[in-house]
Protein backbone atom coordinates (compact mmCIF):
# COMPACT_ATOMS: atom_id res chain seq x y z
CA MET A 1 21.38 97.75 48.79
CA ARG A 2 18.05 98.52 50.41
CA HIS A 3 14.59 97.53 49.40
CA TYR A 4 11.56 99.44 50.53
CA ARG A 5 8.23 97.74 50.75
CA VAL A 6 5.07 99.65 51.30
CA SER A 7 2.27 97.36 52.35
CA PHE A 8 -1.20 98.47 53.09
CA LYS A 9 -4.49 96.75 53.55
CA PRO A 10 -7.07 99.09 52.12
CA GLU A 11 -9.80 96.49 52.57
CA PHE A 12 -11.48 97.20 49.27
CA ASN A 13 -14.91 95.63 49.18
CA PRO A 14 -14.87 93.24 46.19
CA ASP A 15 -18.47 94.22 45.46
CA GLU A 16 -17.38 97.84 44.94
CA ILE A 17 -14.03 97.49 43.14
CA THR A 18 -12.45 94.94 40.83
CA PRO A 19 -8.92 93.56 41.29
CA GLN A 20 -7.90 95.51 38.16
CA ASP A 21 -9.23 98.76 39.65
CA ALA A 22 -7.35 98.06 42.90
CA PHE A 23 -4.21 97.46 40.82
CA GLU A 24 -4.71 100.83 39.09
CA VAL A 25 -4.90 102.54 42.49
CA GLY A 26 -1.56 100.97 43.48
CA TYR A 27 0.02 101.77 40.12
CA THR A 28 -0.98 105.42 40.36
CA LEU A 29 0.38 105.59 43.91
CA ALA A 30 3.68 103.99 42.82
CA GLU A 31 4.06 106.40 39.90
CA LYS A 32 3.50 109.41 42.14
CA PHE A 33 5.71 108.07 44.93
CA THR A 34 8.65 107.15 42.66
CA HIS A 35 8.23 109.87 40.02
CA VAL A 36 8.61 106.95 37.55
CA LYS A 37 12.36 106.80 38.31
CA HIS A 38 12.34 103.43 40.10
CA GLN A 39 11.00 100.00 39.39
CA PHE A 40 8.17 98.63 41.47
CA VAL A 41 6.06 95.53 41.89
CA ILE A 42 2.36 95.52 42.69
CA ALA A 43 0.37 92.51 43.83
CA VAL A 44 -3.36 92.36 44.47
CA HIS A 45 -5.05 89.34 46.00
CA LYS A 46 -8.23 88.47 47.77
CA ASP A 47 -7.70 87.82 51.45
CA LYS A 48 -10.84 86.77 53.29
CA GLN A 49 -13.61 89.19 52.34
CA TYR A 50 -11.52 92.06 50.97
CA LEU A 51 -8.87 92.78 48.35
CA ARG A 52 -5.38 93.34 49.69
CA GLU A 53 -2.65 95.19 47.83
CA PHE A 54 1.13 95.13 48.22
CA LEU A 55 3.56 97.57 46.68
CA GLN A 56 7.33 97.02 46.61
CA ILE A 57 9.65 99.77 45.35
CA ILE A 58 13.21 99.10 44.26
CA PRO A 59 15.26 102.17 45.27
CA TYR A 60 17.46 102.08 42.16
CA ASN A 61 16.89 101.49 38.48
CA ALA A 62 18.19 97.99 37.79
CA LEU A 63 17.85 98.47 34.02
CA CYS A 64 20.48 101.21 33.79
């Protein structure tokens, strides 16, 4: 079993984007990347002066 984790630090300026908006960016990316066939986890947190986002994709559908 393999897990793929895509992690990127887009350095969103908190004055220009909300954590919810950053989450929506990650969710849209995950949907397009997985074609909604795999489960994924998205986490957004503030790290120093910017928002950081993590995306983890599970390469199989655990619900089937």
